[in-house]
Amino acid sequence: AVVSTQSTGFEEVDNDSHFVMKKGLKDSEQVKKYKCLPTNETSTTVSYVPESSLMKELNKTTGCGLVLFYSPYCRFSVNILPAYKAVARVFPQLSVIAVKITSYSSSCIQFGAVGTPTVMFFFNSRPLQKMPVTLTNITSMAGYVANVTDLTPASPLELLESDHEGVQLLHSFDWVLLFSVLFLSGSTCYNILSTQAGKRLLERFKLKR
């Protein structure tokens, strides 16, 4: 059985309130999509949420949404931000959240975010899948949303000047990286000098002095 919804051009699947299918297509052509409509909540901006408040924010969110894990020190995160802000603008029925990550934390582990940027699609407060990392512009990201949900863009797929506002790459000296390089270099030198060839090389150096 199918039940009509307020989402134009879609039908519910066997009274399942989670999925819809496109009307007028054969069974072999059908693709289930998450039912995001109707919704009473609309917003055209990204909600920047502290990492400590992420679960609380998700728990009070219904319908479909995206979560971006980003770092202002990561060039790839900064590059994707304008397009991500544009997604929030062209899909006002989509909850679009951004979480700033400064270190690998429990939230990253919980959501499977092994690096930045990572975009997760969630439905009714539950994270379901990662957006492919190759989708980095407004066209491809909007296409992903349209493929997995019953939402359609409410405005042209283009970047505005406002999408670039506040987007800036920050620079910081990476002490962890420096320590890692020094530790790796020291360990390599020690392992080499511990071998017979290394000891002979060290003896030759002493004799030359």
C-alpha atoms as a PDB file:
ATOM      1  CA  ALA A   1       0.000   0.000   0.000  1.00  0.00           C
ATOM      2  CA  VAL A   2       1.103   3.525  -0.656  1.00  0.00           C
ATOM      3  CA  VAL A   3      -0.021   6.665   1.091  1.00  0.00           C
ATOM      4  CA  SER A   4       0.174  10.117  -0.479  1.00  0.00           C
ATOM      5  CA  THR A   5       2.324  12.686   1.318  1.00  0.00           C
ATOM      6  CA  GLN A   6       2.586  16.445   1.166  1.00  0.00           C
ATOM      7  CA  SER A   7       5.905  16.013  -0.652  1.00  0.00           C
ATOM      8  CA  THR A   8       5.055  16.816  -4.279  1.00  0.00           C
ATOM      9  CA  GLY A   9       5.743  13.913  -6.625  1.00  0.00           C
ATOM     10  CA  PHE A  10       6.419  11.314  -3.916  1.00  0.00           C
ATOM     11  CA  GLU A  11       4.558   8.537  -2.123  1.00  0.00           C
ATOM     12  CA  GLU A  12       5.189   6.787   1.187  1.00  0.00           C
ATOM     13  CA  VAL A  13       6.404   3.201   0.944  1.00  0.00           C
ATOM     14  CA  ASP A  14       4.038   0.625   2.539  1.00  0.00           C
ATOM     15  CA  ASN A  15       2.967   3.070   5.229  1.00  0.00           C
ATOM     16  CA  ASP A  16       6.638   3.504   6.161  1.00  0.00           C
ATOM     17  CA  SER A  17       7.003   7.081   7.362  1.00  0.00           C
ATOM     18  CA  HIS A  18      10.787   6.984   6.835  1.00  0.00           C
ATOM     19  CA  PHE A  19      10.925   6.460   3.071  1.00  0.00           C
ATOM     20  CA  VAL A  20       9.247   7.766  -0.056  1.00  0.00           C
ATOM     21  CA  MET A  21       9.453   6.800  -3.730  1.00  0.00           C
ATOM     22  CA  LYS A  22       8.976   8.831  -6.872  1.00  0.00           C
ATOM     23  CA  LYS A  23       5.500   8.607  -8.379  1.00  0.00           C
ATOM     24  CA  GLY A  24       4.947   7.172 -11.839  1.00  0.00           C
ATOM     25  CA  LEU A  25       8.096   4.990 -12.002  1.00  0.00           C
ATOM     26  CA  LYS A  26       8.278   1.234 -12.453  1.00  0.00           C
ATOM     27  CA  ASP A  27       9.379  -0.894  -9.513  1.00  0.00           C
ATOM     28  CA  SER A  28      12.723  -1.591 -11.211  1.00  0.00           C
ATOM     29  CA  GLU A  29      13.315   2.168 -11.524  1.00  0.00           C
ATOM     30  CA  GLN A  30      12.390   3.074  -7.969  1.00  0.00           C
ATOM     31  CA  VAL A  31      14.906   4.330  -5.421  1.00  0.00           C
ATOM     32  CA  LYS A  32      13.899   4.814  -1.802  1.00  0.00           C
ATOM     33  CA  LYS A  33      14.558   8.255  -0.392  1.00  0.00           C
ATOM     34  CA  TYR A  34      14.352   9.512   3.168  1.00  0.00           C
ATOM     35  CA  LYS A  35      11.161  11.421   3.839  1.00  0.00           C
ATOM     36  CA  CYS A  36      12.074  14.885   5.104  1.00  0.00           C
ATOM     37  CA  LEU A  37       8.801  16.602   4.284  1.00  0.00           C
ATOM     38  CA  PRO A  38       6.602  17.999   5.660  1.00  0.00           C
ATOM     39  CA  THR A  39       8.588  19.903   8.266  1.00  0.00           C
ATOM     40  CA  ASN A  40       7.759  22.880  10.443  1.00  0.00           C
ATOM     41  CA  GLU A  41      11.398  23.859  10.916  1.00  0.00           C
ATOM     42  CA  THR A  42      13.172  25.896   8.256  1.00  0.00           C
ATOM     43  CA  SER A  43      16.488  27.717   8.259  1.00  0.00           C
ATOM     44  CA  THR A  44      18.799  29.076   5.578  1.00  0.00           C
ATOM     45  CA  THR A  45      21.932  29.281   7.727  1.00  0.00           C
ATOM     46  CA  VAL A  46      24.414  26.850   9.239  1.00  0.00           C
ATOM     47  CA  SER A  47      24.106  26.192  12.972  1.00  0.00           C
ATOM     48  CA  TYR A  48      27.588  26.283  14.509  1.00  0.00           C
ATOM     49  CA  VAL A  49      27.445  24.006  17.540  1.00  0.00           C
ATOM     50  CA  PRO A  50      30.156  23.363  20.175  1.00  0.00           C
ATOM     51  CA  GLU A  51      31.358  19.779  20.157  1.00  0.00           C
ATOM     52  CA  SER A  52      30.113  19.281  23.717  1.00  0.00           C
ATOM     53  CA  SER A  53      26.555  20.226  22.634  1.00  0.00           C
ATOM     54  CA  LEU A  54      26.390  18.157  19.435  1.00  0.00           C
ATOM     55  CA  MET A  55      24.348  15.245  20.817  1.00  0.00           C
ATOM     56  CA  LYS A  56      21.929  17.630  22.521  1.00  0.00           C
ATOM     57  CA  GLU A  57      21.441  19.497  19.240  1.00  0.00           C
ATOM     58  CA  LEU A  58      20.872  16.280  17.292  1.00  0.00           C
ATOM     59  CA  ASN A  59      18.393  14.918  19.836  1.00  0.00           C
ATOM     60  CA  LYS A  60      16.122  17.925  19.407  1.00  0.00           C
ATOM     61  CA  THR A  61      16.334  17.826  15.606  1.00  0.00           C
ATOM     62  CA  THR A  62      13.727  15.940  13.568  1.00  0.00           C
ATOM     63  CA  GLY A  63      13.753  15.092   9.898  1.00  0.00           C
ATOM     64  CA  CYS A  64      16.854  15.241   7.713  1.00  0.00           C
ATOM     65  CA  GLY A  65      20.115  17.059   8.245  1.00  0.00           C
ATOM     66  CA  LEU A  66      23.842  17.264   7.739  1.00  0.00           C
ATOM     67  CA  VAL A  67      26.692  17.574  10.232  1.00  0.00           C
ATOM     68  CA  LEU A  68      30.066  18.912   9.139  1.00  0.00           C
ATOM     69  CA  PHE A  69      33.144  18.170  11.247  1.00  0.00           C
ATOM     70  CA  TYR A  70      35.691  20.808  10.282  1.00  0.00           C
ATOM     71  CA  SER A  71      38.859  22.488  11.468  1.00  0.00           C
ATOM     72  CA  PRO A  72      39.688  26.151  10.788  1.00  0.00           C
ATOM     73  CA  TYR A  73      43.329  25.047  10.502  1.00  0.00           C
ATOM     74  CA  CYS A  74      42.530  22.566   7.710  1.00  0.00           C
ATOM     75  CA  ARG A  75      42.674  23.982   4.187  1.00  0.00           C
ATOM     76  CA  PHE A  76      40.232  21.367   2.863  1.00  0.00           C
ATOM     77  CA  SER A  77      37.703  22.266   5.582  1.00  0.00           C
ATOM     78  CA  VAL A  78      37.951  25.952   4.746  1.00  0.00           C
ATOM     79  CA  ASN A  79      37.546  25.227   1.029  1.00  0.00           C
ATOM     80  CA  ILE A  80      34.307  23.283   1.570  1.00  0.00           C
ATOM     81  CA  LEU A  81      32.675  25.775   3.959  1.00  0.00           C
ATOM     82  CA  PRO A  82      31.229  28.206   1.347  1.00  0.00           C
ATOM     83  CA  ALA A  83      29.507  25.343  -0.501  1.00  0.00           C
ATOM     84  CA  TYR A  84      28.266  23.903   2.790  1.00  0.00           C
ATOM     85  CA  LYS A  85      26.780  27.271   3.752  1.00  0.00           C
ATOM     86  CA  ALA A  86      25.125  27.402   0.340  1.00  0.00           C
ATOM     87  CA  VAL A  87      23.535  23.981   0.939  1.00  0.00           C
ATOM     88  CA  ALA A  88      21.838  25.393   4.037  1.00  0.00           C
ATOM     89  CA  ARG A  89      20.542  28.287   1.967  1.00  0.00           C
ATOM     90  CA  VAL A  90      19.120  26.257  -0.946  1.00  0.00           C
ATOM     91  CA  PHE A  91      17.615  23.532   1.298  1.00  0.00           C
ATOM     92  CA  PRO A  92      15.789  25.501   4.034  1.00  0.00           C
ATOM     93  CA  GLN A  93      14.000  22.321   5.254  1.00  0.00           C
ATOM     94  CA  LEU A  94      17.359  20.645   5.924  1.00  0.00           C
ATOM     95  CA  SER A  95      19.024  20.989   9.334  1.00  0.00           C
ATOM     96  CA  VAL A  96      22.629  21.960   8.599  1.00  0.00           C
ATOM     97  CA  ILE A  97      25.070  21.821  11.514  1.00  0.00           C
ATOM     98  CA  ALA A  98      28.812  22.493  11.728  1.00  0.00           C
ATOM     99  CA  VAL A  99      31.103  21.367  14.550  1.00  0.00           C
ATOM    100  CA  LYS A 100      34.613  22.751  14.958  1.00  0.00           C
ATOM    101  CA  ILE A 101      37.140  20.035  15.757  1.00  0.00           C
ATOM    102  CA  THR A 102      40.548  20.983  17.157  1.00  0.00           C
ATOM    103  CA  SER A 103      41.674  17.484  18.146  1.00  0.00           C
ATOM    104  CA  TYR A 104      40.629  13.890  17.611  1.00  0.00           C
ATOM    105  CA  SER A 105      37.909  13.389  20.209  1.00  0.00           C
ATOM    106  CA  SER A 106      35.154  11.062  21.370  1.00  0.00           C
ATOM    107  CA  SER A 107      32.695  12.745  18.985  1.00  0.00           C
ATOM    108  CA  CYS A 108      34.940  11.915  16.032  1.00  0.00           C
ATOM    109  CA  ILE A 109      35.121   8.291  17.164  1.00  0.00           C
ATOM    110  CA  GLN A 110      31.376   8.073  17.763  1.00  0.00           C
ATOM    111  CA  PHE A 111      30.476   9.431  14.330  1.00  0.00           C
ATOM    112  CA  GLY A 112      33.339   7.798  12.448  1.00  0.00           C
ATOM    113  CA  ALA A 113      34.912  11.109  11.462  1.00  0.00           C
ATOM    114  CA  VAL A 114      38.501  10.031  10.855  1.00  0.00           C
ATOM    115  CA  GLY A 115      39.533  13.423   9.505  1.00  0.00           C
ATOM    116  CA  THR A 116      38.341  16.869   8.521  1.00  0.00           C
ATOM    117  CA  PRO A 117      36.260  17.755   6.675  1.00  0.00           C
ATOM    118  CA  THR A 118      33.702  14.970   7.227  1.00  0.00           C
ATOM    119  CA  VAL A 119      30.017  15.453   6.389  1.00  0.00           C
ATOM    120  CA  MET A 120      27.445  13.070   7.913  1.00  0.00           C
ATOM    121  CA  PHE A 121      23.817  12.699   6.825  1.00  0.00           C
ATOM    122  CA  PHE A 122      21.406  12.107   9.703  1.00  0.00           C
ATOM    123  CA  PHE A 123      17.696  11.317   9.931  1.00  0.00           C
ATOM    124  CA  ASN A 124      15.571  11.774  13.061  1.00  0.00           C
ATOM    125  CA  SER A 125      18.670  12.438  15.183  1.00  0.00           C
ATOM    126  CA  ARG A 126      20.477   9.297  13.950  1.00  0.00           C
ATOM    127  CA  PRO A 127      23.673   9.542  11.854  1.00  0.00           C
ATOM    128  CA  LEU A 128      23.257   7.243   8.858  1.00  0.00           C
ATOM    129  CA  GLN A 129      25.981   7.750   6.275  1.00  0.00           C
ATOM    130  CA  LYS A 130      28.939   9.868   5.246  1.00  0.00           C
ATOM    131  CA  MET A 131      28.779  12.162   2.291  1.00  0.00           C
ATOM    132  CA  PRO A 132      31.516  11.117  -0.186  1.00  0.00           C
ATOM    133  CA  VAL A 133      34.657  13.204   0.313  1.00  0.00           C
ATOM    134  CA  THR A 134      34.785  13.968  -3.416  1.00  0.00           C
ATOM    135  CA  LEU A 135      31.664  16.138  -3.139  1.00  0.00           C
ATOM    136  CA  THR A 136      33.120  19.546  -2.407  1.00  0.00           C
ATOM    137  CA  ASN A 137      31.080  22.066  -4.438  1.00  0.00           C
ATOM    138  CA  ILE A 138      27.493  23.283  -4.238  1.00  0.00           C
ATOM    139  CA  THR A 139      26.350  21.310  -7.296  1.00  0.00           C
ATOM    140  CA  SER A 140      27.660  17.936  -6.145  1.00  0.00           C
ATOM    141  CA  MET A 141      26.614  18.428  -2.507  1.00  0.00           C
ATOM    142  CA  ALA A 142      23.097  19.492  -3.525  1.00  0.00           C
ATOM    143  CA  GLY A 143      22.939  16.502  -5.848  1.00  0.00           C
ATOM    144  CA  TYR A 144      23.771  14.202  -2.929  1.00  0.00           C
ATOM    145  CA  VAL A 145      20.975  15.698  -0.800  1.00  0.00           C
ATOM    146  CA  ALA A 146      18.492  15.344  -3.681  1.00  0.00           C
ATOM    147  CA  ASN A 147      19.535  11.713  -4.224  1.00  0.00           C
ATOM    148  CA  VAL A 148      19.013  10.549  -0.641  1.00  0.00           C
ATOM    149  CA  THR A 149      16.018  12.724   0.354  1.00  0.00           C
ATOM    150  CA  ASP A 150      12.747  14.031  -1.072  1.00  0.00           C
ATOM    151  CA  LEU A 151      14.036  17.605  -0.928  1.00  0.00           C
ATOM    152  CA  THR A 152      14.618  19.821  -3.947  1.00  0.00           C
ATOM    153  CA  PRO A 153      16.655  23.053  -4.099  1.00  0.00           C
ATOM    154  CA  ALA A 154      14.649  26.156  -3.281  1.00  0.00           C
ATOM    155  CA  SER A 155      17.032  28.518  -5.097  1.00  0.00           C
ATOM    156  CA  PRO A 156      19.714  28.386  -7.839  1.00  0.00           C
ATOM    157  CA  LEU A 157      22.821  26.323  -7.132  1.00  0.00           C
ATOM    158  CA  GLU A 158      25.346  29.129  -6.973  1.00  0.00           C
ATOM    159  CA  LEU A 159      27.642  30.658  -4.401  1.00  0.00           C
ATOM    160  CA  LEU A 160      26.942  34.136  -3.083  1.00  0.00           C
ATOM    161  CA  GLU A 161      29.317  36.599  -1.463  1.00  0.00           C
ATOM    162  CA  SER A 162      27.639  35.895   1.870  1.00  0.00           C
ATOM    163  CA  ASP A 163      28.695  32.238   1.596  1.00  0.00           C
ATOM    164  CA  HIS A 164      32.339  33.325   1.801  1.00  0.00           C
ATOM    165  CA  GLU A 165      31.890  35.635   4.786  1.00  0.00           C
ATOM    166  CA  GLY A 166      33.772  34.526   7.890  1.00  0.00           C
ATOM    167  CA  VAL A 167      35.588  31.744   6.020  1.00  0.00           C
ATOM    168  CA  GLN A 168      39.287  32.065   6.784  1.00  0.00           C
ATOM    169  CA  LEU A 169      42.151  29.613   7.080  1.00  0.00           C
ATOM    170  CA  LEU A 170      43.896  29.917  10.440  1.00  0.00           C
ATOM    171  CA  HIS A 171      47.561  29.120  10.881  1.00  0.00           C
ATOM    172  CA  SER A 172      49.001  27.426  13.918  1.00  0.00           C
ATOM    173  CA  PHE A 173      52.330  25.747  14.636  1.00  0.00           C
ATOM    174  CA  ASP A 174      51.773  22.001  14.915  1.00  0.00           C
ATOM    175  CA  TRP A 175      53.838  20.939  17.947  1.00  0.00           C
ATOM    176  CA  VAL A 176      52.502  17.402  17.749  1.00  0.00           C
ATOM    177  CA  LEU A 177      53.761  17.078  14.185  1.00  0.00           C
ATOM    178  CA  LEU A 178      57.192  18.448  15.178  1.00  0.00           C
ATOM    179  CA  PHE A 179      57.456  16.000  18.088  1.00  0.00           C
ATOM    180  CA  SER A 180      56.420  13.126  15.801  1.00  0.00           C
ATOM    181  CA  VAL A 181      59.069  14.024  13.204  1.00  0.00           C
ATOM    182  CA  LEU A 182      61.808  14.352  15.851  1.00  0.00           C
ATOM    183  CA  PHE A 183      60.798  11.079  17.501  1.00  0.00           C
ATOM    184  CA  LEU A 184      60.712   9.246  14.175  1.00  0.00           C
ATOM    185  CA  SER A 185      64.075  10.703  13.122  1.00  0.00           C
ATOM    186  CA  GLY A 186      65.672   9.818  16.455  1.00  0.00           C
ATOM    187  CA  SER A 187      64.307   6.275  16.386  1.00  0.00           C
ATOM    188  CA  THR A 188      65.522   5.769  12.814  1.00  0.00           C
ATOM    189  CA  CYS A 189      69.036   6.989  13.642  1.00  0.00           C
ATOM    190  CA  TYR A 190      69.202   4.810  16.758  1.00  0.00           C
ATOM    191  CA  ASN A 191      68.070   1.709  14.854  1.00  0.00           C
ATOM    192  CA  ILE A 192      70.626   2.334  12.097  1.00  0.00           C
ATOM    193  CA  LEU A 193      73.516   2.916  14.514  1.00  0.00           C
ATOM    194  CA  SER A 194      72.561  -0.225  16.447  1.00  0.00           C
ATOM    195  CA  THR A 195      73.335  -2.416  13.431  1.00  0.00           C
ATOM    196  CA  GLN A 196      76.840  -3.701  12.635  1.00  0.00           C
ATOM    197  CA  ALA A 197      77.034  -1.464   9.566  1.00  0.00           C
ATOM    198  CA  GLY A 198      76.000   1.498  11.670  1.00  0.00           C
ATOM    199  CA  LYS A 199      78.624   0.761  14.315  1.00  0.00           C
ATOM    200  CA  ARG A 200      81.351   0.500  11.652  1.00  0.00           C
ATOM    201  CA  LEU A 201      80.217   3.802  10.153  1.00  0.00           C
ATOM    202  CA  LEU A 202      80.364   5.427  13.596  1.00  0.00           C
ATOM    203  CA  GLU A 203      83.880   4.035  14.205  1.00  0.00           C
ATOM    204  CA  ARG A 204      85.086   5.420  10.864  1.00  0.00           C
ATOM    205  CA  PHE A 205      83.695   8.816  11.762  1.00  0.00           C
ATOM    206  CA  LYS A 206      85.543   8.749  15.101  1.00  0.00           C
ATOM    207  CA  LEU A 207      88.815   7.748  13.432  1.00  0.00           C
ATOM    208  CA  LYS A 208      88.562  10.587  10.891  1.00  0.00           C
ATOM    209  CA  ARG A 209      88.217  13.078  13.730  1.00  0.00           C
END
